[in-house]
Amino acid sequence: MNLNKEQAVYCANVFSDYFDKFGRIDEYMREQKLASMAERSPVLFGMGPEEDLFSDFTMSPADMEFELIELPQDRWDTYLNMISSHSNMTSIPGRCLRLAILE
């Protein structure tokens, strides 16, 4: 695909106009993170994916029982977006292996 000069300038202006509304990069990242969190479907308390995350920090490592599992892409994306400080783009489906360690 080739763009002529007018099309390239138009695309550059659209891009610039979008990012001009943010004074700093962290404002952009915050808006993206809030938008991704708003897209999560609501769940009943105690039944959401956050229940799968480790939360007993009083447990000794000697008492832990670990399990290595393969996660489907949708669960991987959900967990990654829950624990990361910024929004993450969903991977294009294909050959990849997403492993998680459960306790």
PDB file of N, CA and C in Angstrom:
ATOM      1  N   MET A   1       0.851  -1.176   0.000  1.00  0.00           N
ATOM      2  CA  MET A   1       0.000   0.000   0.000  1.00  0.00           C
ATOM      3  C   MET A   1       0.893   1.233   0.000  1.00  0.00           C
ATOM      4  N   ASN A   2       0.673   2.086  -0.927  1.00  0.00           N
ATOM      5  CA  ASN A   2       1.426   3.328  -1.030  1.00  0.00           C
ATOM      6  C   ASN A   2       0.492   4.500  -0.799  1.00  0.00           C
ATOM      7  N   LEU A   3       0.955   5.457  -0.018  1.00  0.00           N
ATOM      8  CA  LEU A   3       0.187   6.671   0.234  1.00  0.00           C
ATOM      9  C   LEU A   3       0.800   7.818  -0.544  1.00  0.00           C
ATOM     10  N   ASN A   4      -0.067   8.679  -1.041  1.00  0.00           N
ATOM     11  CA  ASN A   4       0.479   9.892  -1.637  1.00  0.00           C
ATOM     12  C   ASN A   4       0.746  10.889  -0.513  1.00  0.00           C
ATOM     13  N   LYS A   5       1.308  12.030  -0.836  1.00  0.00           N
ATOM     14  CA  LYS A   5       1.715  12.995   0.187  1.00  0.00           C
ATOM     15  C   LYS A   5       0.523  13.487   0.994  1.00  0.00           C
ATOM     16  N   GLU A   6      -0.603  13.767   0.343  1.00  0.00           N
ATOM     17  CA  GLU A   6      -1.788  14.264   1.055  1.00  0.00           C
ATOM     18  C   GLU A   6      -2.308  13.229   2.052  1.00  0.00           C
ATOM     19  N   GLN A   7      -2.337  11.975   1.646  1.00  0.00           N
ATOM     20  CA  GLN A   7      -2.805  10.918   2.541  1.00  0.00           C
ATOM     21  C   GLN A   7      -1.858  10.747   3.731  1.00  0.00           C
ATOM     22  N   ALA A   8      -0.564  10.814   3.476  1.00  0.00           N
ATOM     23  CA  ALA A   8       0.422  10.671   4.549  1.00  0.00           C
ATOM     24  C   ALA A   8       0.311  11.818   5.548  1.00  0.00           C
ATOM     25  N   VAL A   9       0.135  13.036   5.051  1.00  0.00           N
ATOM     26  CA  VAL A   9      -0.017  14.196   5.935  1.00  0.00           C
ATOM     27  C   VAL A   9      -1.304  14.075   6.744  1.00  0.00           C
ATOM     28  N   TYR A  10      -2.380  13.625   6.119  1.00  0.00           N
ATOM     29  CA  TYR A  10      -3.646  13.433   6.825  1.00  0.00           C
ATOM     30  C   TYR A  10      -3.475  12.420   7.964  1.00  0.00           C
ATOM     31  N   CYS A  11      -2.846  11.293   7.670  1.00  0.00           N
ATOM     32  CA  CYS A  11      -2.618  10.264   8.698  1.00  0.00           C
ATOM     33  C   CYS A  11      -1.755  10.805   9.834  1.00  0.00           C
ATOM     34  N   ALA A  12      -0.726  11.551   9.493  1.00  0.00           N
ATOM     35  CA  ALA A  12       0.147  12.125  10.515  1.00  0.00           C
ATOM     36  C   ALA A  12      -0.621  13.106  11.390  1.00  0.00           C
ATOM     37  N   ASN A  13      -1.509  13.889  10.791  1.00  0.00           N
ATOM     38  CA  ASN A  13      -2.301  14.851  11.560  1.00  0.00           C
ATOM     39  C   ASN A  13      -3.285  14.153  12.494  1.00  0.00           C
ATOM     40  N   VAL A  14      -3.921  13.092  12.029  1.00  0.00           N
ATOM     41  CA  VAL A  14      -4.842  12.329  12.888  1.00  0.00           C
ATOM     42  C   VAL A  14      -4.076  11.763  14.079  1.00  0.00           C
ATOM     43  N   PHE A  15      -2.936  11.182  13.824  1.00  0.00           N
ATOM     44  CA  PHE A  15      -2.089  10.623  14.873  1.00  0.00           C
ATOM     45  C   PHE A  15      -1.674  11.708  15.866  1.00  0.00           C
ATOM     46  N   SER A  16      -1.220  12.836  15.341  1.00  0.00           N
ATOM     47  CA  SER A  16      -0.766  13.940  16.183  1.00  0.00           C
ATOM     48  C   SER A  16      -1.913  14.515  17.010  1.00  0.00           C
ATOM     49  N   ASP A  17      -3.081  14.696  16.385  1.00  0.00           N
ATOM     50  CA  ASP A  17      -4.237  15.240  17.105  1.00  0.00           C
ATOM     51  C   ASP A  17      -4.642  14.337  18.266  1.00  0.00           C
ATOM     52  N   TYR A  18      -4.579  13.034  18.055  1.00  0.00           N
ATOM     53  CA  TYR A  18      -4.946  12.096  19.117  1.00  0.00           C
ATOM     54  C   TYR A  18      -4.004  12.239  20.312  1.00  0.00           C
ATOM     55  N   PHE A  19      -2.706  12.262  20.063  1.00  0.00           N
ATOM     56  CA  PHE A  19      -1.748  12.307  21.157  1.00  0.00           C
ATOM     57  C   PHE A  19      -1.568  13.702  21.734  1.00  0.00           C
ATOM     58  N   ASP A  20      -2.010  14.739  21.037  1.00  0.00           N
ATOM     59  CA  ASP A  20      -1.907  16.096  21.569  1.00  0.00           C
ATOM     60  C   ASP A  20      -2.802  16.311  22.782  1.00  0.00           C
ATOM     61  N   LYS A  21      -3.845  15.496  22.931  1.00  0.00           N
ATOM     62  CA  LYS A  21      -4.740  15.684  24.081  1.00  0.00           C
ATOM     63  C   LYS A  21      -4.110  15.189  25.383  1.00  0.00           C
ATOM     64  N   PHE A  22      -2.966  14.526  25.295  1.00  0.00           N
ATOM     65  CA  PHE A  22      -2.255  14.059  26.482  1.00  0.00           C
ATOM     66  C   PHE A  22      -1.028  14.929  26.695  1.00  0.00           C
ATOM     67  N   GLY A  23      -0.885  15.451  27.902  1.00  0.00           N
ATOM     68  CA  GLY A  23       0.279  16.273  28.207  1.00  0.00           C
ATOM     69  C   GLY A  23       1.529  15.441  28.454  1.00  0.00           C
ATOM     70  N   ARG A  24       1.312  14.242  29.002  1.00  0.00           N
ATOM     71  CA  ARG A  24       2.441  13.380  29.344  1.00  0.00           C
ATOM     72  C   ARG A  24       2.099  11.945  28.976  1.00  0.00           C
ATOM     73  N   ILE A  25       3.123  11.120  28.836  1.00  0.00           N
ATOM     74  CA  ILE A  25       2.924   9.728  28.437  1.00  0.00           C
ATOM     75  C   ILE A  25       2.166   8.945  29.499  1.00  0.00           C
ATOM     76  N   ASP A  26       2.369   9.277  30.780  1.00  0.00           N
ATOM     77  CA  ASP A  26       1.665   8.535  31.827  1.00  0.00           C
ATOM     78  C   ASP A  26       0.162   8.811  31.795  1.00  0.00           C
ATOM     79  N   GLU A  27      -0.242   9.993  31.315  1.00  0.00           N
ATOM     80  CA  GLU A  27      -1.673  10.274  31.160  1.00  0.00           C
ATOM     81  C   GLU A  27      -2.278   9.364  30.087  1.00  0.00           C
ATOM     82  N   TYR A  28      -1.555   9.179  29.009  1.00  0.00           N
ATOM     83  CA  TYR A  28      -2.011   8.281  27.948  1.00  0.00           C
ATOM     84  C   TYR A  28      -2.107   6.849  28.466  1.00  0.00           C
ATOM     85  N   MET A  29      -1.068   6.401  29.164  1.00  0.00           N
ATOM     86  CA  MET A  29      -1.064   5.034  29.678  1.00  0.00           C
ATOM     87  C   MET A  29      -2.184   4.825  30.696  1.00  0.00           C
ATOM     88  N   ARG A  30      -2.446   5.824  31.533  1.00  0.00           N
ATOM     89  CA  ARG A  30      -3.521   5.720  32.520  1.00  0.00           C
ATOM     90  C   ARG A  30      -4.871   5.597  31.822  1.00  0.00           C
ATOM     91  N   GLU A  31      -5.096   6.388  30.785  1.00  0.00           N
ATOM     92  CA  GLU A  31      -6.367   6.308  30.059  1.00  0.00           C
ATOM     93  C   GLU A  31      -6.540   4.937  29.404  1.00  0.00           C
ATOM     94  N   GLN A  32      -5.470   4.416  28.827  1.00  0.00           N
ATOM     95  CA  GLN A  32      -5.539   3.100  28.201  1.00  0.00           C
ATOM     96  C   GLN A  32      -5.817   2.006  29.229  1.00  0.00           C
ATOM     97  N   LYS A  33      -5.185   2.100  30.401  1.00  0.00           N
ATOM     98  CA  LYS A  33      -5.395   1.096  31.451  1.00  0.00           C
ATOM     99  C   LYS A  33      -6.837   1.154  31.959  1.00  0.00           C
ATOM    100  N   LEU A  34      -7.359   2.354  32.204  1.00  0.00           N
ATOM    101  CA  LEU A  34      -8.738   2.486  32.676  1.00  0.00           C
ATOM    102  C   LEU A  34      -9.730   1.976  31.639  1.00  0.00           C
ATOM    103  N   ALA A  35      -9.456   2.223  30.373  1.00  0.00           N
ATOM    104  CA  ALA A  35     -10.341   1.729  29.312  1.00  0.00           C
ATOM    105  C   ALA A  35     -10.321   0.207  29.261  1.00  0.00           C
ATOM    106  N   SER A  36      -9.152  -0.398  29.433  1.00  0.00           N
ATOM    107  CA  SER A  36      -9.089  -1.866  29.397  1.00  0.00           C
ATOM    108  C   SER A  36      -9.772  -2.475  30.615  1.00  0.00           C
ATOM    109  N   MET A  37      -9.699  -1.810  31.761  1.00  0.00           N
ATOM    110  CA  MET A  37     -10.375  -2.314  32.956  1.00  0.00           C
ATOM    111  C   MET A  37     -11.888  -2.185  32.827  1.00  0.00           C
ATOM    112  N   ALA A  38     -12.343  -1.141  32.159  1.00  0.00           N
ATOM    113  CA  ALA A  38     -13.781  -0.943  31.977  1.00  0.00           C
ATOM    114  C   ALA A  38     -14.383  -2.001  31.057  1.00  0.00           C
ATOM    115  N   GLU A  39     -13.563  -2.598  30.210  1.00  0.00           N
ATOM    116  CA  GLU A  39     -14.046  -3.624  29.280  1.00  0.00           C
ATOM    117  C   GLU A  39     -14.244  -4.981  29.948  1.00  0.00           C
ATOM    118  N   ARG A  40     -13.688  -5.163  31.145  1.00  0.00           N
ATOM    119  CA  ARG A  40     -13.862  -6.446  31.847  1.00  0.00           C
ATOM    120  C   ARG A  40     -15.315  -6.622  32.244  1.00  0.00           C
ATOM    121  N   SER A  41     -15.829  -7.808  32.063  1.00  0.00           N
ATOM    122  CA  SER A  41     -17.215  -8.063  32.439  1.00  0.00           C
ATOM    123  C   SER A  41     -17.312  -8.189  33.959  1.00  0.00           C
ATOM    124  N   PRO A  42     -18.395  -7.685  34.534  1.00  0.00           N
ATOM    125  CA  PRO A  42     -18.540  -7.754  35.993  1.00  0.00           C
ATOM    126  C   PRO A  42     -18.773  -9.192  36.454  1.00  0.00           C
ATOM    127  N   VAL A  43     -18.286  -9.497  37.636  1.00  0.00           N
ATOM    128  CA  VAL A  43     -18.468 -10.828  38.225  1.00  0.00           C
ATOM    129  C   VAL A  43     -18.910 -10.660  39.674  1.00  0.00           C
ATOM    130  N   LEU A  44     -19.475 -11.704  40.232  1.00  0.00           N
ATOM    131  CA  LEU A  44     -19.861 -11.687  41.636  1.00  0.00           C
ATOM    132  C   LEU A  44     -18.619 -11.708  42.516  1.00  0.00           C
ATOM    133  N   PHE A  45     -18.713 -11.064  43.671  1.00  0.00           N
ATOM    134  CA  PHE A  45     -17.592 -11.009  44.606  1.00  0.00           C
ATOM    135  C   PHE A  45     -17.150 -12.419  44.981  1.00  0.00           C
ATOM    136  N   GLY A  46     -15.857 -12.650  44.922  1.00  0.00           N
ATOM    137  CA  GLY A  46     -15.311 -13.950  45.280  1.00  0.00           C
ATOM    138  C   GLY A  46     -15.342 -14.973  44.164  1.00  0.00           C
ATOM    139  N   MET A  47     -15.822 -14.579  42.988  1.00  0.00           N
ATOM    140  CA  MET A  47     -15.910 -15.530  41.882  1.00  0.00           C
ATOM    141  C   MET A  47     -15.143 -15.050  40.652  1.00  0.00           C
ATOM    142  N   GLY A  48     -14.385 -13.975  40.799  1.00  0.00           N
ATOM    143  CA  GLY A  48     -13.663 -13.419  39.662  1.00  0.00           C
ATOM    144  C   GLY A  48     -12.304 -14.060  39.467  1.00  0.00           C
ATOM    145  N   PRO A  49     -11.635 -13.689  38.401  1.00  0.00           N
ATOM    146  CA  PRO A  49     -10.322 -14.279  38.109  1.00  0.00           C
ATOM    147  C   PRO A  49      -9.269 -13.915  39.149  1.00  0.00           C
ATOM    148  N   GLU A  50      -9.491 -12.835  39.894  1.00  0.00           N
ATOM    149  CA  GLU A  50      -8.510 -12.454  40.913  1.00  0.00           C
ATOM    150  C   GLU A  50      -8.405 -13.500  42.026  1.00  0.00           C
ATOM    151  N   GLU A  51      -9.412 -14.366  42.138  1.00  0.00           N
ATOM    152  CA  GLU A  51      -9.360 -15.438  43.135  1.00  0.00           C
ATOM    153  C   GLU A  51      -8.255 -16.444  42.812  1.00  0.00           C
ATOM    154  N   ASP A  52      -7.821 -16.500  41.565  1.00  0.00           N
ATOM    155  CA  ASP A  52      -6.750 -17.418  41.167  1.00  0.00           C
ATOM    156  C   ASP A  52      -5.362 -16.891  41.505  1.00  0.00           C
ATOM    157  N   LEU A  53      -5.262 -15.595  41.810  1.00  0.00           N
ATOM    158  CA  LEU A  53      -3.960 -15.009  42.100  1.00  0.00           C
ATOM    159  C   LEU A  53      -3.550 -15.322  43.536  1.00  0.00           C
ATOM    160  N   PHE A  54      -2.270 -15.524  43.749  1.00  0.00           N
ATOM    161  CA  PHE A  54      -1.750 -15.850  45.075  1.00  0.00           C
ATOM    162  C   PHE A  54      -1.990 -14.684  46.016  1.00  0.00           C
ATOM    163  N   SER A  55      -2.530 -14.967  47.203  1.00  0.00           N
ATOM    164  CA  SER A  55      -2.819 -13.891  48.144  1.00  0.00           C
ATOM    165  C   SER A  55      -2.478 -14.235  49.594  1.00  0.00           C
ATOM    166  N   ASP A  56      -1.980 -15.426  49.873  1.00  0.00           N
ATOM    167  CA  ASP A  56      -1.637 -15.806  51.241  1.00  0.00           C
ATOM    168  C   ASP A  56      -0.138 -15.625  51.439  1.00  0.00           C
ATOM    169  N   PHE A  57       0.255 -14.404  51.791  1.00  0.00           N
ATOM    170  CA  PHE A  57       1.671 -14.087  51.906  1.00  0.00           C
ATOM    171  C   PHE A  57       2.270 -14.546  53.234  1.00  0.00           C
ATOM    172  N   THR A  58       1.453 -15.173  54.094  1.00  0.00           N
ATOM    173  CA  THR A  58       1.971 -15.727  55.346  1.00  0.00           C
ATOM    174  C   THR A  58       2.432 -17.167  55.161  1.00  0.00           C
ATOM    175  N   MET A  59       2.111 -17.765  54.023  1.00  0.00           N
ATOM    176  CA  MET A  59       2.448 -19.169  53.769  1.00  0.00           C
ATOM    177  C   MET A  59       3.939 -19.318  53.480  1.00  0.00           C
ATOM    178  N   SER A  60       4.538 -20.294  54.117  1.00  0.00           N
ATOM    179  CA  SER A  60       5.950 -20.592  53.889  1.00  0.00           C
ATOM    180  C   SER A  60       6.106 -21.283  52.534  1.00  0.00           C
ATOM    181  N   PRO A  61       7.171 -21.000  51.796  1.00  0.00           N
ATOM    182  CA  PRO A  61       7.390 -21.697  50.523  1.00  0.00           C
ATOM    183  C   PRO A  61       7.455 -23.218  50.681  1.00  0.00           C
ATOM    184  N   ALA A  62       7.880 -23.685  51.844  1.00  0.00           N
ATOM    185  CA  ALA A  62       7.950 -25.132  52.071  1.00  0.00           C
ATOM    186  C   ALA A  62       6.559 -25.765  52.107  1.00  0.00           C
ATOM    187  N   ASP A  63       5.535 -24.969  52.424  1.00  0.00           N
ATOM    188  CA  ASP A  63       4.160 -25.476  52.503  1.00  0.00           C
ATOM    189  C   ASP A  63       3.407 -25.368  51.181  1.00  0.00           C
ATOM    190  N   MET A  64       4.022 -24.785  50.200  1.00  0.00           N
ATOM    191  CA  MET A  64       3.337 -24.554  48.925  1.00  0.00           C
ATOM    192  C   MET A  64       3.397 -25.788  48.036  1.00  0.00           C
ATOM    193  N   GLU A  65       2.343 -25.979  47.288  1.00  0.00           N
ATOM    194  CA  GLU A  65       2.291 -27.047  46.289  1.00  0.00           C
ATOM    195  C   GLU A  65       2.115 -26.382  44.931  1.00  0.00           C
ATOM    196  N   PHE A  66       3.140 -26.480  44.097  1.00  0.00           N
ATOM    197  CA  PHE A  66       3.128 -25.793  42.817  1.00  0.00           C
ATOM    198  C   PHE A  66       2.631 -26.702  41.702  1.00  0.00           C
ATOM    199  N   GLU A  67       1.996 -26.073  40.741  1.00  0.00           N
ATOM    200  CA  GLU A  67       1.512 -26.781  39.555  1.00  0.00           C
ATOM    201  C   GLU A  67       1.786 -25.889  38.349  1.00  0.00           C
ATOM    202  N   LEU A  68       2.379 -26.443  37.336  1.00  0.00           N
ATOM    203  CA  LEU A  68       2.654 -25.719  36.099  1.00  0.00           C
ATOM    204  C   LEU A  68       1.543 -26.043  35.109  1.00  0.00           C
ATOM    205  N   ILE A  69       0.849 -25.004  34.640  1.00  0.00           N
ATOM    206  CA  ILE A  69      -0.267 -25.225  33.715  1.00  0.00           C
ATOM    207  C   ILE A  69      -0.108 -24.353  32.480  1.00  0.00           C
ATOM    208  N   GLU A  70      -0.776 -24.745  31.427  1.00  0.00           N
ATOM    209  CA  GLU A  70      -0.839 -23.935  30.211  1.00  0.00           C
ATOM    210  C   GLU A  70      -2.154 -23.170  30.239  1.00  0.00           C
ATOM    211  N   LEU A  71      -2.079 -21.867  30.038  1.00  0.00           N
ATOM    212  CA  LEU A  71      -3.277 -21.033  30.069  1.00  0.00           C
ATOM    213  C   LEU A  71      -3.750 -20.715  28.661  1.00  0.00           C
ATOM    214  N   PRO A  72      -5.062 -20.701  28.441  1.00  0.00           N
ATOM    215  CA  PRO A  72      -5.570 -20.218  27.158  1.00  0.00           C
ATOM    216  C   PRO A  72      -5.347 -18.708  27.057  1.00  0.00           C
ATOM    217  N   GLN A  73      -5.331 -18.207  25.854  1.00  0.00           N
ATOM    218  CA  GLN A  73      -4.999 -16.804  25.623  1.00  0.00           C
ATOM    219  C   GLN A  73      -5.917 -15.850  26.372  1.00  0.00           C
ATOM    220  N   ASP A  74      -7.222 -16.128  26.432  1.00  0.00           N
ATOM    221  CA  ASP A  74      -8.130 -15.189  27.092  1.00  0.00           C
ATOM    222  C   ASP A  74      -7.836 -15.076  28.587  1.00  0.00           C
ATOM    223  N   ARG A  75      -7.553 -16.200  29.251  1.00  0.00           N
ATOM    224  CA  ARG A  75      -7.207 -16.138  30.679  1.00  0.00           C
ATOM    225  C   ARG A  75      -5.864 -15.456  30.882  1.00  0.00           C
ATOM    226  N   TRP A  76      -4.903 -15.743  30.008  1.00  0.00           N
ATOM    227  CA  TRP A  76      -3.585 -15.102  30.097  1.00  0.00           C
ATOM    228  C   TRP A  76      -3.740 -13.586  30.006  1.00  0.00           C
ATOM    229  N   ASP A  77      -4.502 -13.117  29.031  1.00  0.00           N
ATOM    230  CA  ASP A  77      -4.696 -11.678  28.850  1.00  0.00           C
ATOM    231  C   ASP A  77      -5.389 -11.059  30.058  1.00  0.00           C
ATOM    232  N   THR A  78      -6.381 -11.756  30.613  1.00  0.00           N
ATOM    233  CA  THR A  78      -7.092 -11.248  31.790  1.00  0.00           C
ATOM    234  C   THR A  78      -6.137 -11.077  32.962  1.00  0.00           C
ATOM    235  N   TYR A  79      -5.360 -12.103  33.268  1.00  0.00           N
ATOM    236  CA  TYR A  79      -4.428 -12.031  34.394  1.00  0.00           C
ATOM    237  C   TYR A  79      -3.343 -10.988  34.157  1.00  0.00           C
ATOM    238  N   LEU A  80      -2.823 -10.935  32.952  1.00  0.00           N
ATOM    239  CA  LEU A  80      -1.768  -9.977  32.645  1.00  0.00           C
ATOM    240  C   LEU A  80      -2.265  -8.548  32.809  1.00  0.00           C
ATOM    241  N   ASN A  81      -3.480  -8.272  32.354  1.00  0.00           N
ATOM    242  CA  ASN A  81      -4.032  -6.926  32.499  1.00  0.00           C
ATOM    243  C   ASN A  81      -4.362  -6.595  33.949  1.00  0.00           C
ATOM    244  N   MET A  82      -4.673  -7.604  34.755  1.00  0.00           N
ATOM    245  CA  MET A  82      -4.959  -7.353  36.168  1.00  0.00           C
ATOM    246  C   MET A  82      -3.711  -6.944  36.936  1.00  0.00           C
ATOM    247  N   ILE A  83      -2.575  -7.544  36.629  1.00  0.00           N
ATOM    248  CA  ILE A  83      -1.381  -7.315  37.445  1.00  0.00           C
ATOM    249  C   ILE A  83      -0.411  -6.296  36.865  1.00  0.00           C
ATOM    250  N   SER A  84      -0.567  -5.930  35.611  1.00  0.00           N
ATOM    251  CA  SER A  84       0.385  -4.983  35.021  1.00  0.00           C
ATOM    252  C   SER A  84      -0.099  -3.552  35.225  1.00  0.00           C
ATOM    253  N   SER A  85       0.836  -2.631  35.216  1.00  0.00           N
ATOM    254  CA  SER A  85       0.497  -1.234  35.450  1.00  0.00           C
ATOM    255  C   SER A  85       0.039  -0.518  34.185  1.00  0.00           C
ATOM    256  N   HIS A  86       0.125  -1.155  33.053  1.00  0.00           N
ATOM    257  CA  HIS A  86      -0.322  -0.541  31.804  1.00  0.00           C
ATOM    258  C   HIS A  86      -1.172  -1.547  31.032  1.00  0.00           C
ATOM    259  N   SER A  87      -1.826  -1.079  29.990  1.00  0.00           N
ATOM    260  CA  SER A  87      -2.644  -1.999  29.195  1.00  0.00           C
ATOM    261  C   SER A  87      -1.746  -2.768  28.237  1.00  0.00           C
ATOM    262  N   ASN A  88      -2.100  -3.999  27.997  1.00  0.00           N
ATOM    263  CA  ASN A  88      -1.320  -4.872  27.121  1.00  0.00           C
ATOM    264  C   ASN A  88      -2.160  -5.231  25.912  1.00  0.00           C
ATOM    265  N   MET A  89      -1.554  -5.205  24.768  1.00  0.00           N
ATOM    266  CA  MET A  89      -2.266  -5.577  23.554  1.00  0.00           C
ATOM    267  C   MET A  89      -2.450  -7.089  23.525  1.00  0.00           C
ATOM    268  N   THR A  90      -3.611  -7.517  23.086  1.00  0.00           N
ATOM    269  CA  THR A  90      -3.877  -8.938  22.958  1.00  0.00           C
ATOM    270  C   THR A  90      -3.053  -9.496  21.810  1.00  0.00           C
ATOM    271  N   SER A  91      -2.429 -10.615  22.060  1.00  0.00           N
ATOM    272  CA  SER A  91      -1.603 -11.244  21.030  1.00  0.00           C
ATOM    273  C   SER A  91      -2.471 -11.797  19.911  1.00  0.00           C
ATOM    274  N   ILE A  92      -1.900 -11.827  18.748  1.00  0.00           N
ATOM    275  CA  ILE A  92      -2.567 -12.459  17.619  1.00  0.00           C
ATOM    276  C   ILE A  92      -2.490 -13.961  17.844  1.00  0.00           C
ATOM    277  N   PRO A  93      -3.621 -14.660  17.755  1.00  0.00           N
ATOM    278  CA  PRO A  93      -3.580 -16.107  17.993  1.00  0.00           C
ATOM    279  C   PRO A  93      -2.605 -16.802  17.040  1.00  0.00           C
ATOM    280  N   GLY A  94      -1.956 -17.777  17.546  1.00  0.00           N
ATOM    281  CA  GLY A  94      -0.994 -18.517  16.742  1.00  0.00           C
ATOM    282  C   GLY A  94      -0.226 -19.462  17.628  1.00  0.00           C
ATOM    283  N   ARG A  95       0.942 -19.791  17.204  1.00  0.00           N
ATOM    284  CA  ARG A  95       1.762 -20.714  17.979  1.00  0.00           C
ATOM    285  C   ARG A  95       2.461 -19.972  19.106  1.00  0.00           C
ATOM    286  N   CYS A  96       2.018 -20.199  20.283  1.00  0.00           N
ATOM    287  CA  CYS A  96       2.694 -19.657  21.448  1.00  0.00           C
ATOM    288  C   CYS A  96       2.277 -20.480  22.659  1.00  0.00           C
ATOM    289  N   LEU A  97       3.085 -20.445  23.657  1.00  0.00           N
ATOM    290  CA  LEU A  97       2.847 -21.224  24.857  1.00  0.00           C
ATOM    291  C   LEU A  97       2.833 -20.268  26.034  1.00  0.00           C
ATOM    292  N   ARG A  98       1.735 -20.247  26.756  1.00  0.00           N
ATOM    293  CA  ARG A  98       1.599 -19.378  27.921  1.00  0.00           C
ATOM    294  C   ARG A  98       1.521 -20.275  29.155  1.00  0.00           C
ATOM    295  N   LEU A  99       2.560 -20.231  29.957  1.00  0.00           N
ATOM    296  CA  LEU A  99       2.616 -21.080  31.139  1.00  0.00           C
ATOM    297  C   LEU A  99       2.395 -20.252  32.392  1.00  0.00           C
ATOM    298  N   ALA A 100       1.763 -20.854  33.374  1.00  0.00           N
ATOM    299  CA  ALA A 100       1.538 -20.206  34.660  1.00  0.00           C
ATOM    300  C   ALA A 100       1.857 -21.202  35.763  1.00  0.00           C
ATOM    301  N   ILE A 101       2.285 -20.668  36.881  1.00  0.00           N
ATOM    302  CA  ILE A 101       2.542 -21.504  38.051  1.00  0.00           C
ATOM    303  C   ILE A 101       1.440 -21.224  39.056  1.00  0.00           C
ATOM    304  N   LEU A 102       0.720 -22.267  39.427  1.00  0.00           N
ATOM    305  CA  LEU A 102      -0.341 -22.152  40.421  1.00  0.00           C
ATOM    306  C   LEU A 102       0.151 -22.717  41.733  1.00  0.00           C
ATOM    307  N   GLU A 103      -0.353 -22.167  42.821  1.00  0.00           N
ATOM    308  CA  GLU A 103      -0.072 -22.715  44.142  1.00  0.00           C
ATOM    309  C   GLU A 103      -1.378 -23.217  44.686  1.00  0.00           C
TER     310      GLU A 103
END
